[in-house]
N, C-alpha and C. Protein backbone atom coordinates (compact mmCIF):
# COMPACT_ATOMS: atom_id res chain seq x y z
N GLY A 1 -10.43 7.57 -5.86
CA GLY A 1 -11.08 8.54 -6.84
C GLY A 1 -10.33 8.39 -8.08
N ALA A 2 -10.85 9.08 -9.11
CA ALA A 2 -10.33 9.21 -10.45
C ALA A 2 -9.11 10.13 -10.55
N VAL A 3 -8.20 10.00 -11.46
CA VAL A 3 -7.10 10.97 -11.53
C VAL A 3 -7.18 11.64 -12.85
N LEU A 4 -7.17 12.89 -12.95
CA LEU A 4 -7.21 13.85 -14.04
C LEU A 4 -5.97 14.61 -14.20
N VAL A 5 -5.46 14.66 -15.48
CA VAL A 5 -4.25 15.59 -15.67
C VAL A 5 -4.57 16.50 -16.78
N TRP A 6 -3.49 17.49 -16.97
CA TRP A 6 -3.45 18.32 -18.02
C TRP A 6 -2.09 19.02 -18.06
N GLY A 7 -1.68 19.53 -19.22
CA GLY A 7 -0.48 20.30 -19.33
C GLY A 7 0.40 19.62 -20.45
N GLY A 8 1.65 19.79 -20.33
CA GLY A 8 2.58 19.29 -21.36
C GLY A 8 2.58 20.03 -22.63
N TRP A 9 2.02 21.21 -22.74
CA TRP A 9 1.79 21.81 -23.96
C TRP A 9 3.09 22.18 -24.73
N ASN A 10 3.24 21.59 -25.87
CA ASN A 10 4.46 21.99 -26.63
C ASN A 10 5.70 21.57 -26.08
N LYS A 11 5.79 20.67 -25.09
CA LYS A 11 6.86 20.13 -24.41
C LYS A 11 6.93 18.56 -24.39
N PRO A 12 7.26 18.14 -25.59
CA PRO A 12 7.32 16.75 -25.81
C PRO A 12 8.22 15.77 -24.83
N GLU A 13 9.22 16.53 -24.31
CA GLU A 13 10.12 15.93 -23.36
C GLU A 13 9.52 15.66 -21.85
N ILE A 14 8.43 16.20 -21.62
CA ILE A 14 7.83 15.94 -20.28
C ILE A 14 6.28 15.45 -20.58
N ARG A 15 5.84 15.03 -21.59
CA ARG A 15 4.57 14.51 -21.88
C ARG A 15 4.47 13.18 -21.09
N CYS A 16 5.52 12.50 -20.77
CA CYS A 16 5.30 11.50 -19.84
C CYS A 16 4.78 11.61 -18.54
N CYS A 17 4.85 12.98 -18.17
CA CYS A 17 4.40 13.21 -16.80
C CYS A 17 2.70 13.28 -16.85
N LEU A 18 2.08 13.15 -18.03
CA LEU A 18 0.60 13.08 -17.88
C LEU A 18 0.01 11.77 -17.55
N GLY A 19 0.85 10.68 -17.83
CA GLY A 19 0.45 9.36 -17.47
C GLY A 19 -0.70 8.80 -18.42
N LEU A 20 -0.69 9.36 -19.61
CA LEU A 20 -1.78 8.86 -20.53
C LEU A 20 -1.35 7.84 -21.39
N GLY A 21 -0.14 7.42 -21.36
CA GLY A 21 0.39 6.44 -22.21
C GLY A 21 1.25 7.03 -23.29
N PRO A 22 1.91 6.43 -24.10
CA PRO A 22 2.60 6.90 -25.21
C PRO A 22 1.96 7.98 -26.12
N ILE A 23 2.36 9.05 -26.35
CA ILE A 23 1.64 10.05 -26.99
C ILE A 23 2.42 10.42 -28.30
N SER A 24 1.78 10.61 -29.47
CA SER A 24 2.38 10.67 -30.71
C SER A 24 3.14 11.92 -30.84
N ALA A 25 4.16 11.97 -31.68
CA ALA A 25 5.11 13.05 -31.88
C ALA A 25 4.54 14.41 -32.14
N ASP A 26 3.48 14.29 -32.75
CA ASP A 26 2.75 15.59 -33.15
C ASP A 26 1.69 16.05 -32.14
N ALA A 27 1.51 15.40 -31.07
CA ALA A 27 0.54 15.79 -30.15
C ALA A 27 1.01 16.86 -29.23
N CYS A 28 0.13 17.73 -28.79
CA CYS A 28 0.54 18.91 -28.14
C CYS A 28 0.39 18.84 -26.68
N GLY A 29 0.04 17.72 -26.11
CA GLY A 29 -0.09 17.63 -24.82
C GLY A 29 -1.77 17.46 -24.31
N ALA A 30 -2.17 17.70 -23.25
CA ALA A 30 -3.46 17.78 -22.73
C ALA A 30 -3.96 19.13 -22.41
N LEU A 31 -4.69 19.76 -23.24
CA LEU A 31 -5.03 21.09 -23.07
C LEU A 31 -6.24 21.27 -22.03
N LYS A 32 -7.01 20.19 -21.92
CA LYS A 32 -8.02 20.15 -20.81
C LYS A 32 -7.81 18.89 -19.97
N PRO A 33 -8.32 18.88 -18.84
CA PRO A 33 -8.26 17.76 -17.95
C PRO A 33 -8.69 16.46 -18.57
N GLN A 34 -7.92 15.37 -18.62
CA GLN A 34 -8.15 14.12 -19.09
C GLN A 34 -8.02 13.03 -17.99
N ARG A 35 -8.92 11.92 -17.95
CA ARG A 35 -8.72 11.00 -17.08
C ARG A 35 -7.51 10.09 -17.47
N ILE A 36 -6.85 9.54 -16.43
CA ILE A 36 -5.88 8.60 -16.69
C ILE A 36 -6.48 7.20 -16.64
N SER A 37 -6.85 6.57 -17.80
CA SER A 37 -7.64 5.42 -17.82
C SER A 37 -7.12 4.35 -17.11
N PHE A 38 -5.62 4.21 -16.87
CA PHE A 38 -4.98 3.02 -16.26
C PHE A 38 -5.73 2.71 -14.88
N PHE A 39 -5.89 3.52 -14.18
CA PHE A 39 -6.54 3.26 -12.87
C PHE A 39 -8.03 2.72 -12.89
N GLU A 40 -8.81 3.33 -13.83
CA GLU A 40 -10.09 2.81 -13.88
C GLU A 40 -10.31 1.46 -14.46
N SER A 41 -9.23 1.25 -15.61
CA SER A 41 -9.40 0.02 -16.07
C SER A 41 -8.98 -1.10 -15.25
N LYS A 42 -8.26 -0.82 -14.18
CA LYS A 42 -7.77 -1.88 -13.16
C LYS A 42 -8.37 -1.82 -11.92
N SER A 43 -9.51 -0.95 -11.86
CA SER A 43 -10.31 -0.76 -10.60
C SER A 43 -9.52 -0.39 -9.36
N ILE A 44 -8.48 0.54 -9.77
CA ILE A 44 -7.72 1.11 -8.68
C ILE A 44 -8.18 2.48 -8.16
N SER A 45 -8.37 2.53 -6.93
CA SER A 45 -8.88 3.71 -6.35
C SER A 45 -7.78 4.60 -5.77
N VAL A 46 -7.54 5.82 -6.09
CA VAL A 46 -6.39 6.64 -5.62
C VAL A 46 -6.76 7.54 -4.52
N GLU A 47 -6.09 7.50 -3.41
CA GLU A 47 -6.42 8.22 -2.26
C GLU A 47 -5.61 9.56 -2.19
N LYS A 48 -4.53 9.55 -2.78
CA LYS A 48 -3.69 10.80 -2.69
C LYS A 48 -2.60 10.91 -3.77
N ILE A 49 -2.46 12.07 -4.26
CA ILE A 49 -1.56 12.24 -5.48
C ILE A 49 -0.67 13.53 -5.28
N VAL A 50 0.59 13.48 -5.55
CA VAL A 50 1.49 14.61 -5.55
C VAL A 50 2.33 14.75 -6.71
N ALA A 51 2.82 15.87 -6.99
CA ALA A 51 3.70 16.08 -8.18
C ALA A 51 5.12 16.44 -7.59
N GLY A 52 6.12 15.73 -8.37
CA GLY A 52 7.54 16.02 -7.94
C GLY A 52 7.96 16.98 -9.00
N GLY A 53 9.41 16.88 -9.30
CA GLY A 53 9.92 17.88 -10.31
C GLY A 53 9.21 17.63 -11.62
N ASN A 54 9.48 16.38 -12.23
CA ASN A 54 8.91 16.03 -13.43
C ASN A 54 8.37 14.62 -13.39
N HIS A 55 7.89 14.36 -12.25
CA HIS A 55 7.27 12.92 -11.97
C HIS A 55 6.01 13.09 -11.16
N VAL A 56 5.20 12.24 -11.01
CA VAL A 56 3.95 12.21 -10.28
C VAL A 56 3.85 10.93 -9.47
N LEU A 57 3.43 10.94 -8.12
CA LEU A 57 3.20 9.80 -7.24
C LEU A 57 1.84 9.83 -6.75
N CYS A 58 1.23 8.68 -6.60
CA CYS A 58 0.03 8.58 -5.83
C CYS A 58 0.06 7.31 -5.00
N VAL A 59 -0.89 7.39 -3.95
CA VAL A 59 -1.05 6.28 -3.02
C VAL A 59 -2.58 5.78 -3.23
N THR A 60 -2.75 4.46 -3.32
CA THR A 60 -3.93 3.86 -3.55
C THR A 60 -4.72 3.52 -2.21
N ARG A 61 -6.02 3.23 -2.43
CA ARG A 61 -6.75 2.85 -1.15
C ARG A 61 -6.18 1.55 -0.56
N ASP A 62 -5.61 0.85 -1.39
CA ASP A 62 -4.74 -0.45 -0.84
C ASP A 62 -3.45 -0.16 -0.33
N HIS A 63 -3.08 1.16 -0.09
CA HIS A 63 -1.73 1.58 0.38
C HIS A 63 -0.63 1.22 -0.47
N GLU A 64 -0.69 1.11 -1.69
CA GLU A 64 0.37 0.93 -2.84
C GLU A 64 0.62 2.12 -3.32
N VAL A 65 1.85 2.41 -4.00
CA VAL A 65 2.28 3.53 -4.56
C VAL A 65 2.58 3.36 -5.97
N TYR A 66 2.08 4.23 -6.91
CA TYR A 66 2.23 4.21 -8.35
C TYR A 66 2.93 5.63 -8.69
N ALA A 67 3.67 5.47 -9.77
CA ALA A 67 4.49 6.59 -10.22
C ALA A 67 4.65 6.68 -11.80
N TRP A 68 4.86 7.82 -12.29
CA TRP A 68 5.08 8.01 -13.67
C TRP A 68 5.67 9.28 -14.04
N GLY A 69 6.21 9.48 -15.21
CA GLY A 69 6.99 10.63 -15.52
C GLY A 69 8.43 10.41 -15.86
N LYS A 70 9.20 11.49 -15.58
CA LYS A 70 10.63 11.44 -15.83
C LYS A 70 11.28 10.44 -14.79
N ASN A 71 12.28 9.81 -15.32
CA ASN A 71 12.87 8.75 -14.35
C ASN A 71 14.36 8.59 -14.49
N GLU A 72 14.99 10.03 -14.56
CA GLU A 72 16.51 10.01 -14.74
C GLU A 72 17.25 9.45 -13.62
N TYR A 73 16.78 9.43 -12.43
CA TYR A 73 17.49 8.91 -11.26
C TYR A 73 16.70 7.69 -10.55
N GLY A 74 15.74 7.26 -11.15
CA GLY A 74 14.81 6.14 -10.58
C GLY A 74 13.77 6.61 -9.69
N GLU A 75 13.33 7.98 -9.83
CA GLU A 75 12.23 8.64 -8.99
C GLU A 75 10.89 7.92 -9.26
N THR A 76 10.71 7.31 -10.24
CA THR A 76 9.38 6.48 -10.45
C THR A 76 9.53 4.98 -9.91
N GLY A 77 10.61 4.75 -9.35
CA GLY A 77 10.76 3.44 -8.82
C GLY A 77 11.10 2.34 -9.93
N GLN A 78 11.57 2.79 -11.06
CA GLN A 78 11.97 1.95 -12.06
C GLN A 78 13.49 2.13 -12.49
N ASP A 79 14.21 1.10 -13.03
CA ASP A 79 15.48 1.21 -13.27
C ASP A 79 15.75 2.12 -14.41
N PRO A 80 16.29 3.31 -14.14
CA PRO A 80 16.69 4.37 -15.18
C PRO A 80 17.28 3.90 -16.47
N GLN A 81 18.12 2.83 -16.30
CA GLN A 81 18.90 2.37 -17.47
C GLN A 81 17.99 1.56 -18.32
N LEU A 82 16.88 1.09 -17.95
CA LEU A 82 15.95 0.60 -18.73
C LEU A 82 14.64 1.34 -19.12
N PHE A 83 14.29 2.28 -18.18
CA PHE A 83 13.28 3.10 -18.30
C PHE A 83 13.51 4.55 -18.00
N GLY A 84 13.88 5.39 -18.91
CA GLY A 84 14.20 6.70 -18.77
C GLY A 84 12.92 7.70 -18.40
N GLU A 85 11.85 7.15 -18.75
CA GLU A 85 10.54 7.77 -18.55
C GLU A 85 9.55 6.81 -18.51
N SER A 86 8.34 7.09 -17.70
CA SER A 86 7.21 6.26 -17.68
C SER A 86 6.05 6.98 -18.11
N PHE A 87 5.43 6.48 -19.31
CA PHE A 87 4.21 7.19 -19.76
C PHE A 87 3.08 6.82 -19.04
N GLU A 88 3.07 5.61 -18.29
CA GLU A 88 1.82 5.13 -17.74
C GLU A 88 2.36 4.91 -16.20
N PRO A 89 1.28 4.86 -15.36
CA PRO A 89 1.45 4.64 -13.84
C PRO A 89 2.39 3.19 -13.66
N GLN A 90 3.27 3.25 -13.00
CA GLN A 90 4.01 2.02 -12.72
C GLN A 90 3.97 1.72 -11.12
N LYS A 91 3.70 0.50 -10.76
CA LYS A 91 3.66 0.26 -9.37
C LYS A 91 5.09 0.17 -8.70
N VAL A 92 5.30 0.84 -7.56
CA VAL A 92 6.72 0.99 -6.92
C VAL A 92 6.77 -0.23 -6.03
N ILE A 93 7.76 -1.05 -6.28
CA ILE A 93 8.02 -2.09 -5.40
C ILE A 93 8.87 -1.97 -4.18
N PHE A 94 8.36 -2.16 -2.99
CA PHE A 94 9.09 -2.01 -1.88
C PHE A 94 9.91 -3.37 -1.40
N PRO A 95 10.97 -3.30 -0.72
CA PRO A 95 11.71 -4.35 -0.32
C PRO A 95 10.79 -5.30 0.61
N ASP A 96 9.98 -4.68 1.41
CA ASP A 96 9.04 -5.54 2.19
C ASP A 96 7.72 -5.33 1.65
N PRO A 97 7.22 -6.63 1.11
CA PRO A 97 5.87 -6.53 0.43
C PRO A 97 4.78 -6.25 1.37
N THR A 98 4.92 -6.26 2.69
CA THR A 98 3.83 -6.09 3.65
C THR A 98 3.61 -4.55 3.98
N VAL A 99 4.69 -3.76 3.55
CA VAL A 99 4.54 -2.31 3.90
C VAL A 99 3.20 -1.72 3.47
N GLN A 100 2.67 -0.79 4.30
CA GLN A 100 1.39 -0.12 4.07
C GLN A 100 1.69 1.46 3.97
N ILE A 101 1.69 1.90 2.80
CA ILE A 101 2.09 3.21 2.69
C ILE A 101 0.93 4.19 2.90
N LYS A 102 1.07 5.33 3.67
CA LYS A 102 -0.17 6.12 3.98
C LYS A 102 0.14 7.68 3.46
N ASP A 103 1.42 8.00 3.01
CA ASP A 103 1.66 9.38 2.56
C ASP A 103 2.91 9.26 1.81
N ILE A 104 2.81 10.33 0.90
CA ILE A 104 3.89 10.47 -0.03
C ILE A 104 4.37 11.92 -0.31
N ALA A 105 5.44 12.12 -0.91
CA ALA A 105 5.91 13.59 -1.26
C ALA A 105 7.04 13.43 -2.37
N GLY A 106 7.10 14.42 -3.13
CA GLY A 106 7.99 14.36 -4.22
C GLY A 106 8.90 15.62 -4.32
N GLY A 107 10.16 15.42 -4.47
CA GLY A 107 11.04 16.56 -4.68
C GLY A 107 11.55 16.60 -6.19
N ILE A 108 12.66 17.18 -6.38
CA ILE A 108 13.21 17.15 -7.80
C ILE A 108 13.94 15.82 -7.86
N HIS A 109 13.58 15.04 -8.77
CA HIS A 109 14.19 13.61 -8.98
C HIS A 109 14.25 12.66 -7.56
N LEU A 110 13.20 13.21 -6.66
CA LEU A 110 13.15 12.42 -5.29
C LEU A 110 11.92 12.09 -4.88
N SER A 111 11.65 10.85 -4.53
CA SER A 111 10.33 10.34 -4.04
C SER A 111 10.57 9.83 -2.55
N VAL A 112 9.56 10.26 -1.83
CA VAL A 112 9.56 9.78 -0.25
C VAL A 112 8.17 9.36 0.19
N ALA A 113 8.08 8.31 0.83
CA ALA A 113 6.97 7.69 1.36
C ALA A 113 6.83 7.35 2.79
N LEU A 114 5.93 7.52 3.54
CA LEU A 114 5.65 7.10 4.87
C LEU A 114 4.87 5.91 5.11
N ASP A 115 5.19 4.76 5.75
CA ASP A 115 4.45 3.79 6.04
C ASP A 115 3.54 3.84 7.37
N ALA A 116 2.71 3.00 7.53
CA ALA A 116 1.89 2.93 8.67
C ALA A 116 2.60 2.75 10.03
N GLU A 117 3.74 2.29 9.99
CA GLU A 117 4.58 2.09 11.17
C GLU A 117 5.41 3.27 11.59
N GLY A 118 5.26 4.42 10.62
CA GLY A 118 6.21 5.55 10.92
C GLY A 118 7.57 5.55 10.29
N GLN A 119 7.79 4.67 9.47
CA GLN A 119 9.10 4.49 8.77
C GLN A 119 9.05 5.32 7.48
N LEU A 120 10.04 6.02 7.16
CA LEU A 120 10.22 6.89 5.88
C LEU A 120 10.98 5.96 4.75
N TRP A 121 10.55 6.01 3.64
CA TRP A 121 11.16 5.27 2.51
C TRP A 121 11.45 6.43 1.42
N ALA A 122 12.72 6.32 0.87
CA ALA A 122 12.99 7.28 -0.23
C ALA A 122 13.71 6.64 -1.35
N TRP A 123 13.55 7.21 -2.49
CA TRP A 123 14.07 6.53 -3.77
C TRP A 123 14.29 7.83 -4.80
N GLY A 124 15.39 7.55 -5.69
CA GLY A 124 15.68 8.50 -6.68
C GLY A 124 17.08 9.03 -6.51
N ASP A 125 17.25 10.41 -6.72
CA ASP A 125 18.52 11.05 -6.60
C ASP A 125 19.02 11.17 -5.26
N GLY A 126 20.25 10.80 -4.94
CA GLY A 126 20.72 11.02 -3.46
C GLY A 126 22.19 11.57 -3.57
N ASP A 127 22.48 12.24 -4.48
CA ASP A 127 23.86 12.74 -4.50
C ASP A 127 24.15 13.64 -3.43
N GLU A 128 23.15 14.36 -3.01
CA GLU A 128 23.37 15.34 -1.70
C GLU A 128 22.82 14.74 -0.46
N GLY A 129 22.71 13.49 -0.45
CA GLY A 129 22.24 12.79 0.74
C GLY A 129 20.64 12.81 0.98
N GLN A 130 20.01 13.04 -0.28
CA GLN A 130 18.49 13.25 -0.26
C GLN A 130 17.73 12.00 0.28
N LEU A 131 18.32 10.89 0.03
CA LEU A 131 17.70 9.43 0.46
C LEU A 131 17.83 9.16 1.95
N GLY A 132 18.78 9.81 2.64
CA GLY A 132 18.88 9.65 4.06
C GLY A 132 19.27 8.28 4.43
N ALA A 133 19.84 7.50 3.53
CA ALA A 133 19.94 6.06 3.82
C ALA A 133 21.57 5.63 4.07
N GLY A 134 22.34 6.61 4.50
CA GLY A 134 23.64 6.32 4.75
C GLY A 134 24.44 6.60 3.63
N PRO A 135 25.83 6.83 3.77
CA PRO A 135 26.97 7.13 2.74
C PRO A 135 27.00 6.05 1.69
N GLU A 136 26.62 4.78 2.09
CA GLU A 136 26.84 3.75 1.06
C GLU A 136 25.80 3.70 -0.04
N ILE A 137 24.61 4.40 0.19
CA ILE A 137 23.65 4.52 -0.84
C ILE A 137 23.49 5.98 -1.37
N LEU A 138 23.82 6.15 -2.68
CA LEU A 138 23.55 7.44 -3.30
C LEU A 138 22.21 7.36 -3.89
N ASN A 139 22.18 6.99 -5.21
CA ASN A 139 21.09 6.84 -6.12
C ASN A 139 20.36 5.50 -5.92
N SER A 140 19.05 5.48 -5.98
CA SER A 140 18.40 4.13 -5.81
C SER A 140 17.00 4.26 -6.48
N PHE A 141 16.78 3.13 -7.32
CA PHE A 141 15.36 3.26 -7.94
C PHE A 141 14.50 2.31 -7.06
N THR A 142 15.15 1.52 -6.01
CA THR A 142 14.29 0.83 -5.19
C THR A 142 14.23 1.57 -3.97
N PRO A 143 12.94 1.77 -3.32
CA PRO A 143 12.95 2.43 -2.06
C PRO A 143 13.88 1.88 -0.88
N VAL A 144 14.42 2.78 -0.41
CA VAL A 144 15.32 2.45 0.79
C VAL A 144 14.89 3.20 1.95
N ALA A 145 15.02 2.50 3.19
CA ALA A 145 14.70 2.98 4.56
C ALA A 145 15.53 4.26 4.93
N VAL A 146 14.87 5.40 5.31
CA VAL A 146 15.70 6.54 5.83
C VAL A 146 16.20 6.13 7.19
N LYS A 147 17.52 6.54 7.41
CA LYS A 147 18.22 6.22 8.65
C LYS A 147 18.30 7.49 9.51
N PHE A 148 18.21 7.45 10.73
CA PHE A 148 18.30 8.59 11.64
C PHE A 148 19.53 8.54 12.42
N ASN A 149 20.07 9.70 12.82
CA ASN A 149 21.38 9.73 13.62
C ASN A 149 20.92 9.68 15.14
N GLU A 150 20.09 8.71 15.56
CA GLU A 150 19.58 8.63 16.81
C GLU A 150 19.68 7.15 17.32
N PRO A 151 19.96 7.01 18.63
CA PRO A 151 20.06 5.65 19.17
C PRO A 151 18.79 4.84 19.22
N GLU A 152 17.77 5.60 19.44
CA GLU A 152 16.48 5.01 19.49
C GLU A 152 15.55 4.89 18.22
N PRO A 153 14.79 4.01 18.03
CA PRO A 153 13.79 4.12 16.77
C PRO A 153 13.00 5.25 16.74
N ILE A 154 12.85 5.93 15.60
CA ILE A 154 12.21 7.13 15.41
C ILE A 154 10.77 6.78 14.64
N LYS A 155 9.77 7.34 15.05
CA LYS A 155 8.49 7.07 14.34
C LYS A 155 7.98 8.45 13.82
N ILE A 156 8.06 8.51 12.54
CA ILE A 156 7.72 9.94 11.80
C ILE A 156 6.11 9.98 11.69
N THR A 157 5.54 11.25 11.88
CA THR A 157 4.12 11.41 11.85
C THR A 157 3.81 12.19 10.61
N SER A 158 4.70 13.28 10.08
CA SER A 158 4.47 14.05 9.04
C SER A 158 5.88 14.43 8.42
N PHE A 159 5.89 14.87 7.08
CA PHE A 159 7.16 15.06 6.43
C PHE A 159 6.79 15.98 5.19
N SER A 160 7.77 16.54 4.63
CA SER A 160 7.70 17.55 3.35
C SER A 160 9.01 17.38 2.58
N CYS A 161 8.79 17.26 1.31
CA CYS A 161 10.08 17.26 0.53
C CYS A 161 10.38 18.70 -0.14
N GLY A 162 11.51 19.10 -0.04
CA GLY A 162 11.78 20.34 -0.80
C GLY A 162 12.37 19.86 -2.21
N GLY A 163 13.22 20.74 -2.83
CA GLY A 163 13.83 20.40 -4.06
C GLY A 163 14.67 19.21 -4.03
N ASN A 164 15.74 19.23 -2.95
CA ASN A 164 16.72 18.12 -2.72
C ASN A 164 17.05 17.85 -1.28
N TYR A 165 15.92 18.02 -0.44
CA TYR A 165 16.00 17.73 0.91
C TYR A 165 14.73 17.33 1.51
N THR A 166 14.56 16.89 2.70
CA THR A 166 13.34 16.61 3.44
C THR A 166 13.27 16.99 4.88
N CYS A 167 12.29 17.38 5.22
CA CYS A 167 12.05 17.63 6.66
C CYS A 167 10.98 16.78 7.33
N ALA A 168 11.01 16.41 8.43
CA ALA A 168 10.06 15.58 9.16
C ALA A 168 9.94 15.79 10.63
N LEU A 169 8.82 15.45 11.06
CA LEU A 169 8.33 15.52 12.59
C LEU A 169 8.04 14.15 13.11
N ASP A 170 8.44 13.88 14.31
CA ASP A 170 8.19 12.53 14.74
C ASP A 170 7.11 12.65 15.80
N ASP A 171 6.73 11.54 16.52
CA ASP A 171 5.66 11.45 17.41
C ASP A 171 5.95 12.15 18.82
N LYS A 172 7.23 12.55 18.98
CA LYS A 172 7.71 13.08 20.27
C LYS A 172 7.92 14.68 20.05
N GLY A 173 7.48 15.21 19.07
CA GLY A 173 7.62 16.47 18.80
C GLY A 173 9.08 16.95 18.36
N GLU A 174 9.80 16.25 17.83
CA GLU A 174 11.16 16.39 17.27
C GLU A 174 11.09 16.60 15.76
N MET A 175 12.14 17.45 15.15
CA MET A 175 12.11 17.66 13.78
C MET A 175 13.33 17.22 13.42
N TYR A 176 13.32 16.77 12.15
CA TYR A 176 14.64 16.23 11.41
C TYR A 176 14.69 16.62 10.02
N THR A 177 16.05 16.74 9.58
CA THR A 177 16.25 17.23 8.16
C THR A 177 17.48 16.47 7.55
N TRP A 178 17.42 16.35 6.28
CA TRP A 178 18.58 15.67 5.67
C TRP A 178 18.60 15.95 4.20
N GLY A 179 19.67 16.10 3.52
CA GLY A 179 19.75 16.42 2.01
C GLY A 179 20.57 17.56 1.92
N ASN A 180 20.02 18.71 1.17
CA ASN A 180 20.63 19.93 0.92
C ASN A 180 21.56 20.39 2.14
N PRO A 181 22.83 20.38 1.85
CA PRO A 181 23.73 20.84 2.94
C PRO A 181 23.68 22.22 3.46
N ILE A 182 23.27 23.01 2.56
CA ILE A 182 23.27 24.52 2.98
C ILE A 182 22.10 24.69 3.96
N LEU A 183 20.70 24.14 3.40
CA LEU A 183 19.65 24.20 4.41
C LEU A 183 19.89 23.64 5.76
N SER A 184 20.61 22.25 5.59
CA SER A 184 20.79 21.64 6.89
C SER A 184 21.67 22.26 7.90
N SER A 185 22.65 22.92 7.37
CA SER A 185 23.40 23.71 8.28
C SER A 185 22.80 24.86 9.06
N MET A 186 21.69 25.37 8.61
CA MET A 186 20.96 26.25 9.25
C MET A 186 20.23 25.84 10.50
N LEU A 187 19.92 24.39 10.40
CA LEU A 187 18.99 23.87 11.51
C LEU A 187 19.81 22.99 12.48
N LEU A 188 21.01 22.70 12.06
CA LEU A 188 21.83 21.54 12.89
C LEU A 188 23.10 22.18 13.54
N ARG A 189 23.56 21.64 14.56
CA ARG A 189 24.74 21.90 15.26
C ARG A 189 26.02 21.70 14.15
N ASP A 190 26.90 22.32 14.17
CA ASP A 190 28.00 22.31 13.29
C ASP A 190 28.46 20.75 13.26
N ALA A 191 28.44 20.03 14.46
CA ALA A 191 28.96 18.73 14.48
C ALA A 191 27.98 17.76 13.76
N ASP A 192 26.77 18.08 13.57
CA ASP A 192 25.79 17.30 13.12
C ASP A 192 25.61 17.37 11.46
N VAL A 193 26.11 18.59 10.98
CA VAL A 193 25.82 18.74 9.52
C VAL A 193 26.32 17.81 8.64
N ALA A 194 27.65 17.27 8.87
CA ALA A 194 28.12 16.25 7.85
C ALA A 194 27.31 14.94 7.88
N GLY A 195 26.72 14.58 9.02
CA GLY A 195 25.95 13.39 9.09
C GLY A 195 24.68 13.56 8.47
N ALA A 196 24.14 14.77 8.32
CA ALA A 196 22.88 15.01 7.67
C ALA A 196 22.96 14.96 6.31
N LYS A 197 24.22 14.92 5.79
CA LYS A 197 24.31 14.81 4.27
C LYS A 197 24.02 13.33 3.76
N THR A 198 23.99 12.47 4.62
CA THR A 198 23.68 11.08 4.27
C THR A 198 22.65 10.33 5.15
N ARG A 199 22.25 10.91 6.45
CA ARG A 199 21.32 10.36 7.24
C ARG A 199 20.56 11.58 7.91
N ALA A 200 19.28 11.25 8.40
CA ALA A 200 18.44 12.28 9.00
C ALA A 200 19.16 12.74 10.25
N GLY A 201 19.18 14.03 10.46
CA GLY A 201 19.83 14.60 11.75
C GLY A 201 18.63 15.36 12.43
N ARG A 202 18.70 15.34 13.78
CA ARG A 202 17.72 16.12 14.55
C ARG A 202 17.94 17.57 14.55
N VAL A 203 17.01 18.31 14.28
CA VAL A 203 17.01 19.75 14.41
C VAL A 203 17.08 20.28 15.83
N THR A 204 18.23 20.98 16.04
CA THR A 204 18.59 21.59 17.34
C THR A 204 18.45 23.18 17.40
N GLU A 205 18.81 23.76 16.14
CA GLU A 205 18.81 25.23 16.21
C GLU A 205 17.53 25.87 15.95
N LEU A 206 16.70 25.91 16.91
CA LEU A 206 15.43 26.56 16.78
C LEU A 206 15.36 27.70 17.74
N PRO A 207 14.59 28.84 17.42
CA PRO A 207 14.61 29.95 18.40
C PRO A 207 14.10 29.54 19.80
N GLU A 208 14.47 30.40 20.73
CA GLU A 208 14.01 29.95 22.08
C GLU A 208 12.54 30.04 22.24
N GLY A 209 11.90 28.96 22.87
CA GLY A 209 10.39 28.97 23.05
C GLY A 209 9.64 28.11 22.08
N VAL A 210 10.28 27.91 20.88
CA VAL A 210 9.66 27.19 19.75
C VAL A 210 9.37 25.78 20.30
N ARG A 211 10.48 25.00 20.61
CA ARG A 211 10.27 23.61 20.96
C ARG A 211 9.22 23.56 22.13
N HIS A 212 9.15 24.48 23.22
CA HIS A 212 8.43 24.30 24.23
C HIS A 212 6.79 24.46 23.78
N ALA A 213 6.67 25.33 22.64
CA ALA A 213 5.34 25.60 22.21
C ALA A 213 4.80 24.45 21.42
N GLY A 214 5.76 23.52 21.02
CA GLY A 214 5.33 22.28 20.18
C GLY A 214 5.38 22.48 18.65
N LEU A 215 5.90 21.59 17.95
CA LEU A 215 5.90 21.62 16.43
C LEU A 215 4.83 21.06 15.93
N GLY A 216 3.95 21.84 15.06
CA GLY A 216 2.80 21.39 14.46
C GLY A 216 2.85 20.82 13.10
N ALA A 217 3.52 21.52 12.22
CA ALA A 217 3.67 21.10 10.80
C ALA A 217 4.88 21.71 10.15
N VAL A 218 5.40 21.08 9.23
CA VAL A 218 6.54 21.51 8.45
C VAL A 218 6.33 21.41 6.91
N ALA A 219 6.82 22.42 6.18
CA ALA A 219 6.71 22.46 4.67
C ALA A 219 7.98 22.93 4.04
N ALA A 220 8.54 22.02 3.19
CA ALA A 220 9.72 22.38 2.61
C ALA A 220 9.55 22.79 1.12
N GLY A 221 10.21 23.80 0.78
CA GLY A 221 10.13 24.36 -0.54
C GLY A 221 11.53 24.04 -1.19
N SER A 222 11.60 24.81 -2.30
CA SER A 222 12.94 24.62 -3.20
C SER A 222 14.17 25.06 -2.47
N GLU A 223 14.03 26.26 -2.01
CA GLU A 223 15.10 26.91 -1.36
C GLU A 223 14.84 27.43 -0.03
N ALA A 224 13.63 27.02 0.47
CA ALA A 224 13.30 27.54 2.07
C ALA A 224 12.41 26.61 2.59
N ALA A 225 12.26 26.60 3.82
CA ALA A 225 11.38 25.80 4.61
C ALA A 225 10.53 26.55 5.63
N VAL A 226 9.33 26.16 6.01
CA VAL A 226 8.54 26.87 7.06
C VAL A 226 8.15 25.97 8.00
N LEU A 227 8.10 26.29 9.28
CA LEU A 227 7.61 25.52 10.44
C LEU A 227 6.51 26.30 11.17
N LEU A 228 5.42 25.35 11.49
CA LEU A 228 4.31 26.02 12.30
C LEU A 228 4.40 25.39 13.64
N THR A 229 4.13 26.22 14.58
CA THR A 229 3.96 25.63 16.04
C THR A 229 2.54 25.36 16.37
N LYS A 230 2.45 24.65 17.45
CA LYS A 230 1.00 24.31 17.94
C LYS A 230 0.40 25.55 18.55
């Protein structure tokens, strides 16, 4: 489908979030919805779009990811030393060119994508373990695979980004979280909290009966998360 944007009124520092291309210094933003011509000019059909802190992500019909907006930590998939902001959609390049992305989510300076095999990828700010890629990787403008503190491979079915953390559900009904150490400590055993600062930890601290009912959906906000049972 077509992508329309509006906003950025009197805020030149975030007009790059519109994705309309370079805007003159005296422009006031988009007061009414405007089409992003980039996608139509290249015959790209967008299937899903989400907004992060000050950046935007979308998945195309061909299972590719495009991003634009502020890029202070590489959240648009571009090198922040070269591109501090992206005024037009830029294709996010994954390490594996065969990856088929089916879902995306954005946090503050954080981008996360789920591929068709159930693997999560993250890029952007990782100072608090938001990327979940291990202690050796903090910030990254290249998507990195999220690692789990589990011996067996994990297949994620749904996920949600908060401000600086992510929650996810797998195909076996387990929940995982990583990033924000305060929120992680509410859901994990004390022994697992440290690991969740850099990798995805399995949630164990749920009320009695919740796991038996089955976990249906999870949504992460800036400072709180909600879980729906089946």
